[in-house]
């Protein structure tokens, strides 16, 4: 299931958009009035209404959100599409498009493609920027390793003896540093980074249940 974070200025448009997404099996995990508000780390894509951007700071706000998740910018017409894509957005689509086209665009950007003036999936989306010099801290690596093993935030908090809120904070930092957008990408990052070593549970994980002898 695709999960979305909505930044929409119009309540009426928001109601219609949520209905379209729900009907398409796309889950809305957060609704924000401004891109400056804290985004949901659960989201696979952020839909940003161009009218919700701060005047003069819109491209910067798009770039900030695009560092941690795929961004689909909802515009009123045409003209600045290339600027939004250059800022880091994975796609740009008119709010006048049908619900089906918006859903199609969401599927495209979460699959790694770009949605631009020439249509859906016109080229692979540019990879979200990473910070070459940034490394995960020891605690961030511990959290990422446990996420890749399928533990929930509550389970991670219990095992590391920290609060669930602190786990959330670590996850947000990890996503920002690695430029990843969802749990699958976090797991892939852990695998590529050699943080998942086989299938043996760590010392703070319960052992696999024993099979009764015949």
C-alpha atoms as a PDB file:
ATOM      1  CA  UNK A   1       0.000   0.000   0.000  1.00  0.00           C
ATOM      2  CA  UNK A   2       1.266   3.465  -0.918  1.00  0.00           C
ATOM      3  CA  UNK A   3       1.155   5.988   1.929  1.00  0.00           C
ATOM      4  CA  UNK A   4       0.861   9.708   1.289  1.00  0.00           C
ATOM      5  CA  UNK A   5       1.452  12.940   3.176  1.00  0.00           C
ATOM      6  CA  UNK A   6      -0.777  15.773   1.922  1.00  0.00           C
ATOM      7  CA  UNK A   7       0.049  19.495   2.039  1.00  0.00           C
ATOM      8  CA  UNK A   8      -3.172  21.079   0.756  1.00  0.00           C
ATOM      9  CA  UNK A   9      -4.453  24.642   1.179  1.00  0.00           C
ATOM     10  CA  UNK A  10      -8.071  24.157   0.057  1.00  0.00           C
ATOM     11  CA  UNK A  11     -10.351  22.156   2.408  1.00  0.00           C
ATOM     12  CA  UNK A  12     -12.756  21.373  -0.446  1.00  0.00           C
ATOM     13  CA  UNK A  13      -9.981  20.106  -2.717  1.00  0.00           C
ATOM     14  CA  UNK A  14      -8.581  18.117   0.210  1.00  0.00           C
ATOM     15  CA  UNK A  15     -11.876  16.292   0.780  1.00  0.00           C
ATOM     16  CA  UNK A  16     -12.100  15.312  -2.875  1.00  0.00           C
ATOM     17  CA  UNK A  17      -8.445  14.262  -3.051  1.00  0.00           C
ATOM     18  CA  UNK A  18      -8.685  12.078   0.050  1.00  0.00           C
ATOM     19  CA  UNK A  19     -11.745  10.354  -1.426  1.00  0.00           C
ATOM     20  CA  UNK A  20      -9.907   9.706  -4.697  1.00  0.00           C
ATOM     21  CA  UNK A  21      -6.871   8.297  -2.897  1.00  0.00           C
ATOM     22  CA  UNK A  22      -8.897   6.108  -0.554  1.00  0.00           C
ATOM     23  CA  UNK A  23     -10.865   4.706  -3.487  1.00  0.00           C
ATOM     24  CA  UNK A  24      -7.574   3.827  -5.203  1.00  0.00           C
ATOM     25  CA  UNK A  25      -6.216   2.042  -2.119  1.00  0.00           C
ATOM     26  CA  UNK A  26      -3.721   4.798  -1.342  1.00  0.00           C
ATOM     27  CA  UNK A  27      -3.495   5.589   2.370  1.00  0.00           C
ATOM     28  CA  UNK A  28      -3.327   9.158   3.682  1.00  0.00           C
ATOM     29  CA  UNK A  29      -1.072   9.110   6.759  1.00  0.00           C
ATOM     30  CA  UNK A  30      -0.810  12.874   7.333  1.00  0.00           C
ATOM     31  CA  UNK A  31      -2.457  16.138   6.318  1.00  0.00           C
ATOM     32  CA  UNK A  32      -0.575  19.430   6.708  1.00  0.00           C
ATOM     33  CA  UNK A  33      -1.437  23.029   5.968  1.00  0.00           C
ATOM     34  CA  UNK A  34       2.172  24.053   5.349  1.00  0.00           C
ATOM     35  CA  UNK A  35       5.307  22.231   4.127  1.00  0.00           C
ATOM     36  CA  UNK A  36       7.107  23.769   7.106  1.00  0.00           C
ATOM     37  CA  UNK A  37       5.175  21.456   9.430  1.00  0.00           C
ATOM     38  CA  UNK A  38       6.831  18.163  10.351  1.00  0.00           C
ATOM     39  CA  UNK A  39       6.177  15.556   7.624  1.00  0.00           C
ATOM     40  CA  UNK A  40       5.174  11.972   8.350  1.00  0.00           C
ATOM     41  CA  UNK A  41       8.129   9.577   8.210  1.00  0.00           C
ATOM     42  CA  UNK A  42       5.673   6.842   7.177  1.00  0.00           C
ATOM     43  CA  UNK A  43       4.835   8.488   3.850  1.00  0.00           C
ATOM     44  CA  UNK A  44       6.068   7.062   0.550  1.00  0.00           C
ATOM     45  CA  UNK A  45       5.097  10.279  -1.245  1.00  0.00           C
ATOM     46  CA  UNK A  46       4.238  13.870  -0.337  1.00  0.00           C
ATOM     47  CA  UNK A  47       1.610  15.718  -2.404  1.00  0.00           C
ATOM     48  CA  UNK A  48       2.219  19.457  -2.135  1.00  0.00           C
ATOM     49  CA  UNK A  49      -0.368  21.983  -3.308  1.00  0.00           C
ATOM     50  CA  UNK A  50       1.427  24.898  -4.934  1.00  0.00           C
ATOM     51  CA  UNK A  51      -0.968  27.272  -3.150  1.00  0.00           C
ATOM     52  CA  UNK A  52       0.236  25.950   0.229  1.00  0.00           C
ATOM     53  CA  UNK A  53       3.836  27.023  -0.404  1.00  0.00           C
ATOM     54  CA  UNK A  54       5.235  30.158   1.216  1.00  0.00           C
ATOM     55  CA  UNK A  55       5.675  32.975  -1.297  1.00  0.00           C
ATOM     56  CA  UNK A  56       9.323  33.304  -2.278  1.00  0.00           C
ATOM     57  CA  UNK A  57      10.338  30.138  -0.437  1.00  0.00           C
ATOM     58  CA  UNK A  58       8.406  27.490  -2.350  1.00  0.00           C
ATOM     59  CA  UNK A  59      11.327  25.870  -4.157  1.00  0.00           C
ATOM     60  CA  UNK A  60      13.299  25.620  -0.922  1.00  0.00           C
ATOM     61  CA  UNK A  61      10.342  23.973   0.827  1.00  0.00           C
ATOM     62  CA  UNK A  62       9.988  21.459  -1.996  1.00  0.00           C
ATOM     63  CA  UNK A  63      13.716  20.703  -1.872  1.00  0.00           C
ATOM     64  CA  UNK A  64      13.584  20.099   1.886  1.00  0.00           C
ATOM     65  CA  UNK A  65      10.698  17.625   1.622  1.00  0.00           C
ATOM     66  CA  UNK A  66      12.267  15.911  -1.404  1.00  0.00           C
ATOM     67  CA  UNK A  67      15.327  14.992   0.662  1.00  0.00           C
ATOM     68  CA  UNK A  68      13.305  12.374   2.547  1.00  0.00           C
ATOM     69  CA  UNK A  69      10.427  11.352   0.266  1.00  0.00           C
ATOM     70  CA  UNK A  70       9.148  11.537  -3.307  1.00  0.00           C
ATOM     71  CA  UNK A  71       7.266  14.794  -3.957  1.00  0.00           C
ATOM     72  CA  UNK A  72       4.363  15.374  -6.354  1.00  0.00           C
ATOM     73  CA  UNK A  73       3.634  19.085  -6.815  1.00  0.00           C
ATOM     74  CA  UNK A  74      -0.003  19.967  -7.588  1.00  0.00           C
ATOM     75  CA  UNK A  75      -0.143  23.105  -9.748  1.00  0.00           C
ATOM     76  CA  UNK A  76      -2.915  25.313 -11.109  1.00  0.00           C
ATOM     77  CA  UNK A  77      -1.559  25.452 -14.657  1.00  0.00           C
ATOM     78  CA  UNK A  78       1.800  25.302 -16.385  1.00  0.00           C
ATOM     79  CA  UNK A  79       4.886  27.443 -16.486  1.00  0.00           C
ATOM     80  CA  UNK A  80       7.175  26.513 -13.594  1.00  0.00           C
ATOM     81  CA  UNK A  81       7.140  22.728 -13.949  1.00  0.00           C
ATOM     82  CA  UNK A  82      10.850  22.475 -14.737  1.00  0.00           C
ATOM     83  CA  UNK A  83      11.747  24.641 -11.736  1.00  0.00           C
ATOM     84  CA  UNK A  84       9.910  22.301  -9.361  1.00  0.00           C
ATOM     85  CA  UNK A  85      11.611  19.252 -10.861  1.00  0.00           C
ATOM     86  CA  UNK A  86      14.996  20.972 -10.636  1.00  0.00           C
ATOM     87  CA  UNK A  87      14.292  21.682  -6.953  1.00  0.00           C
ATOM     88  CA  UNK A  88      13.963  17.936  -6.338  1.00  0.00           C
ATOM     89  CA  UNK A  89      10.284  17.142  -6.943  1.00  0.00           C
ATOM     90  CA  UNK A  90       9.674  13.753  -8.556  1.00  0.00           C
ATOM     91  CA  UNK A  91       6.602  15.003 -10.380  1.00  0.00           C
ATOM     92  CA  UNK A  92       4.372  17.925 -11.286  1.00  0.00           C
ATOM     93  CA  UNK A  93       0.714  17.602 -12.250  1.00  0.00           C
ATOM     94  CA  UNK A  94      -2.206  20.000 -12.661  1.00  0.00           C
ATOM     95  CA  UNK A  95      -4.969  19.991 -10.082  1.00  0.00           C
ATOM     96  CA  UNK A  96      -7.349  20.056 -13.032  1.00  0.00           C
ATOM     97  CA  UNK A  97      -6.316  16.537 -14.036  1.00  0.00           C
ATOM     98  CA  UNK A  98      -8.668  13.640 -13.291  1.00  0.00           C
ATOM     99  CA  UNK A  99      -8.358  11.639 -10.110  1.00  0.00           C
ATOM    100  CA  UNK A 100      -7.157   8.674 -12.165  1.00  0.00           C
ATOM    101  CA  UNK A 101      -4.280  10.719 -13.610  1.00  0.00           C
ATOM    102  CA  UNK A 102      -3.221  11.912 -10.155  1.00  0.00           C
ATOM    103  CA  UNK A 103      -3.283   8.326  -8.875  1.00  0.00           C
ATOM    104  CA  UNK A 104      -1.228   7.265 -11.894  1.00  0.00           C
ATOM    105  CA  UNK A 105       1.297   9.988 -11.119  1.00  0.00           C
ATOM    106  CA  UNK A 106       1.606   8.835  -7.498  1.00  0.00           C
ATOM    107  CA  UNK A 107       2.282   5.278  -8.629  1.00  0.00           C
ATOM    108  CA  UNK A 108       4.903   6.568 -11.059  1.00  0.00           C
ATOM    109  CA  UNK A 109       6.902   8.649  -8.577  1.00  0.00           C
ATOM    110  CA  UNK A 110       6.848   5.961  -5.875  1.00  0.00           C
ATOM    111  CA  UNK A 111       8.161   3.511  -8.475  1.00  0.00           C
ATOM    112  CA  UNK A 112      11.116   5.809  -9.137  1.00  0.00           C
ATOM    113  CA  UNK A 113       9.949   7.670 -12.239  1.00  0.00           C
ATOM    114  CA  UNK A 114       9.379  11.326 -12.993  1.00  0.00           C
ATOM    115  CA  UNK A 115       6.099  12.990 -13.921  1.00  0.00           C
ATOM    116  CA  UNK A 116       6.643  16.140 -15.947  1.00  0.00           C
ATOM    117  CA  UNK A 117       5.315  18.296 -18.765  1.00  0.00           C
ATOM    118  CA  UNK A 118       5.782  15.495 -21.283  1.00  0.00           C
ATOM    119  CA  UNK A 119       3.787  12.935 -19.330  1.00  0.00           C
ATOM    120  CA  UNK A 120       4.117  10.213 -16.727  1.00  0.00           C
ATOM    121  CA  UNK A 121       7.354   8.299 -16.455  1.00  0.00           C
ATOM    122  CA  UNK A 122       9.116  10.419 -19.065  1.00  0.00           C
ATOM    123  CA  UNK A 123      12.508   9.645 -17.489  1.00  0.00           C
ATOM    124  CA  UNK A 124      13.866   8.099 -14.295  1.00  0.00           C
ATOM    125  CA  UNK A 125      13.563  10.504 -11.394  1.00  0.00           C
ATOM    126  CA  UNK A 126      16.778  12.078 -10.170  1.00  0.00           C
ATOM    127  CA  UNK A 127      17.989  10.336  -7.039  1.00  0.00           C
ATOM    128  CA  UNK A 128      17.309  12.284  -3.882  1.00  0.00           C
ATOM    129  CA  UNK A 129      20.441  14.068  -2.719  1.00  0.00           C
ATOM    130  CA  UNK A 130      22.618  12.418  -0.132  1.00  0.00           C
ATOM    131  CA  UNK A 131      25.271  13.940   2.063  1.00  0.00           C
ATOM    132  CA  UNK A 132      28.512  12.052   1.322  1.00  0.00           C
ATOM    133  CA  UNK A 133      30.155  13.202   4.522  1.00  0.00           C
ATOM    134  CA  UNK A 134      27.270  12.294   6.775  1.00  0.00           C
ATOM    135  CA  UNK A 135      27.555   8.989   8.621  1.00  0.00           C
ATOM    136  CA  UNK A 136      25.029   7.323  10.873  1.00  0.00           C
ATOM    137  CA  UNK A 137      25.765   7.435  14.554  1.00  0.00           C
ATOM    138  CA  UNK A 138      26.137   4.171  16.472  1.00  0.00           C
ATOM    139  CA  UNK A 139      22.612   4.543  17.883  1.00  0.00           C
ATOM    140  CA  UNK A 140      21.157   5.317  14.448  1.00  0.00           C
ATOM    141  CA  UNK A 141      22.793   2.162  13.102  1.00  0.00           C
ATOM    142  CA  UNK A 142      21.248   0.178  15.953  1.00  0.00           C
ATOM    143  CA  UNK A 143      17.806   1.528  15.124  1.00  0.00           C
ATOM    144  CA  UNK A 144      18.210   0.923  11.389  1.00  0.00           C
ATOM    145  CA  UNK A 145      19.410  -2.634  11.968  1.00  0.00           C
ATOM    146  CA  UNK A 146      16.325  -3.439  14.025  1.00  0.00           C
ATOM    147  CA  UNK A 147      13.972  -1.817  11.509  1.00  0.00           C
ATOM    148  CA  UNK A 148      15.462  -4.049   8.821  1.00  0.00           C
ATOM    149  CA  UNK A 149      14.737  -7.063  11.042  1.00  0.00           C
ATOM    150  CA  UNK A 150      11.050  -6.148  11.113  1.00  0.00           C
ATOM    151  CA  UNK A 151      10.799  -4.709  14.619  1.00  0.00           C
ATOM    152  CA  UNK A 152       8.201  -2.041  15.335  1.00  0.00           C
ATOM    153  CA  UNK A 153       9.129   1.299  16.861  1.00  0.00           C
ATOM    154  CA  UNK A 154       7.731   0.176  20.229  1.00  0.00           C
ATOM    155  CA  UNK A 155       9.794  -3.014  20.131  1.00  0.00           C
ATOM    156  CA  UNK A 156      12.923  -1.061  19.229  1.00  0.00           C
ATOM    157  CA  UNK A 157      12.269   1.365  22.078  1.00  0.00           C
ATOM    158  CA  UNK A 158      11.924  -1.517  24.555  1.00  0.00           C
ATOM    159  CA  UNK A 159      15.094  -3.278  23.376  1.00  0.00           C
ATOM    160  CA  UNK A 160      17.211  -0.125  23.343  1.00  0.00           C
ATOM    161  CA  UNK A 161      15.605   1.228  26.530  1.00  0.00           C
ATOM    162  CA  UNK A 162      14.614   4.519  24.931  1.00  0.00           C
ATOM    163  CA  UNK A 163      11.220   6.117  24.301  1.00  0.00           C
ATOM    164  CA  UNK A 164       9.188   5.512  21.100  1.00  0.00           C
ATOM    165  CA  UNK A 165       9.415   9.277  20.453  1.00  0.00           C
ATOM    166  CA  UNK A 166      13.213   9.014  20.501  1.00  0.00           C
ATOM    167  CA  UNK A 167      13.030   6.117  18.039  1.00  0.00           C
ATOM    168  CA  UNK A 168      10.877   8.300  15.746  1.00  0.00           C
ATOM    169  CA  UNK A 169      13.510  11.030  15.935  1.00  0.00           C
ATOM    170  CA  UNK A 170      16.305   8.613  15.034  1.00  0.00           C
ATOM    171  CA  UNK A 171      14.292   7.290  12.067  1.00  0.00           C
ATOM    172  CA  UNK A 172      13.752  10.816  10.739  1.00  0.00           C
ATOM    173  CA  UNK A 173      17.477  11.529  11.012  1.00  0.00           C
ATOM    174  CA  UNK A 174      18.333   8.263   9.240  1.00  0.00           C
ATOM    175  CA  UNK A 175      15.925   9.010   6.405  1.00  0.00           C
ATOM    176  CA  UNK A 176      17.331  12.508   5.969  1.00  0.00           C
ATOM    177  CA  UNK A 177      20.953  11.294   5.972  1.00  0.00           C
ATOM    178  CA  UNK A 178      20.387   8.379   3.596  1.00  0.00           C
ATOM    179  CA  UNK A 179      17.819  10.097   1.368  1.00  0.00           C
ATOM    180  CA  UNK A 180      15.347   7.217   1.654  1.00  0.00           C
ATOM    181  CA  UNK A 181      11.579   7.419   1.716  1.00  0.00           C
ATOM    182  CA  UNK A 182      10.035   4.274   3.181  1.00  0.00           C
ATOM    183  CA  UNK A 183      10.688   1.158   5.260  1.00  0.00           C
ATOM    184  CA  UNK A 184      11.635  -0.919   2.226  1.00  0.00           C
ATOM    185  CA  UNK A 185      14.324   1.616   1.286  1.00  0.00           C
ATOM    186  CA  UNK A 186      15.558   1.704   4.890  1.00  0.00           C
ATOM    187  CA  UNK A 187      15.905  -2.086   4.841  1.00  0.00           C
ATOM    188  CA  UNK A 188      17.735  -1.945   1.511  1.00  0.00           C
ATOM    189  CA  UNK A 189      20.087   0.689   2.923  1.00  0.00           C
ATOM    190  CA  UNK A 190      20.814  -1.585   5.889  1.00  0.00           C
ATOM    191  CA  UNK A 191      21.545  -4.505   3.572  1.00  0.00           C
ATOM    192  CA  UNK A 192      23.835  -2.457   1.343  1.00  0.00           C
ATOM    193  CA  UNK A 193      25.582  -1.076   4.395  1.00  0.00           C
ATOM    194  CA  UNK A 194      26.243  -4.541   5.787  1.00  0.00           C
ATOM    195  CA  UNK A 195      24.124  -3.893   8.872  1.00  0.00           C
ATOM    196  CA  UNK A 196      22.085  -7.066   8.445  1.00  0.00           C
ATOM    197  CA  UNK A 197      24.272 -10.069   9.009  1.00  0.00           C
ATOM    198  CA  UNK A 198      22.468 -13.208   7.974  1.00  0.00           C
ATOM    199  CA  UNK A 199      19.389 -14.353   9.855  1.00  0.00           C
ATOM    200  CA  UNK A 200      20.812 -14.815  13.352  1.00  0.00           C
ATOM    201  CA  UNK A 201      18.937 -12.660  15.870  1.00  0.00           C
ATOM    202  CA  UNK A 202      20.963 -10.139  17.820  1.00  0.00           C
ATOM    203  CA  UNK A 203      21.537 -10.560  21.550  1.00  0.00           C
ATOM    204  CA  UNK A 204      18.527  -8.397  22.366  1.00  0.00           C
ATOM    205  CA  UNK A 205      16.164 -10.320  20.082  1.00  0.00           C
ATOM    206  CA  UNK A 206      14.205 -13.405  21.133  1.00  0.00           C
ATOM    207  CA  UNK A 207      15.515 -16.709  19.742  1.00  0.00           C
ATOM    208  CA  UNK A 208      13.521 -18.567  17.135  1.00  0.00           C
ATOM    209  CA  UNK A 209      10.999 -21.051  18.605  1.00  0.00           C
ATOM    210  CA  UNK A 210      12.282 -24.609  18.911  1.00  0.00           C
ATOM    211  CA  UNK A 211      10.677 -27.374  16.890  1.00  0.00           C
ATOM    212  CA  UNK A 212       9.383 -30.196  19.135  1.00  0.00           C
ATOM    213  CA  UNK A 213      11.248 -33.448  18.737  1.00  0.00           C
ATOM    214  CA  UNK A 214       9.435 -36.160  16.774  1.00  0.00           C
END
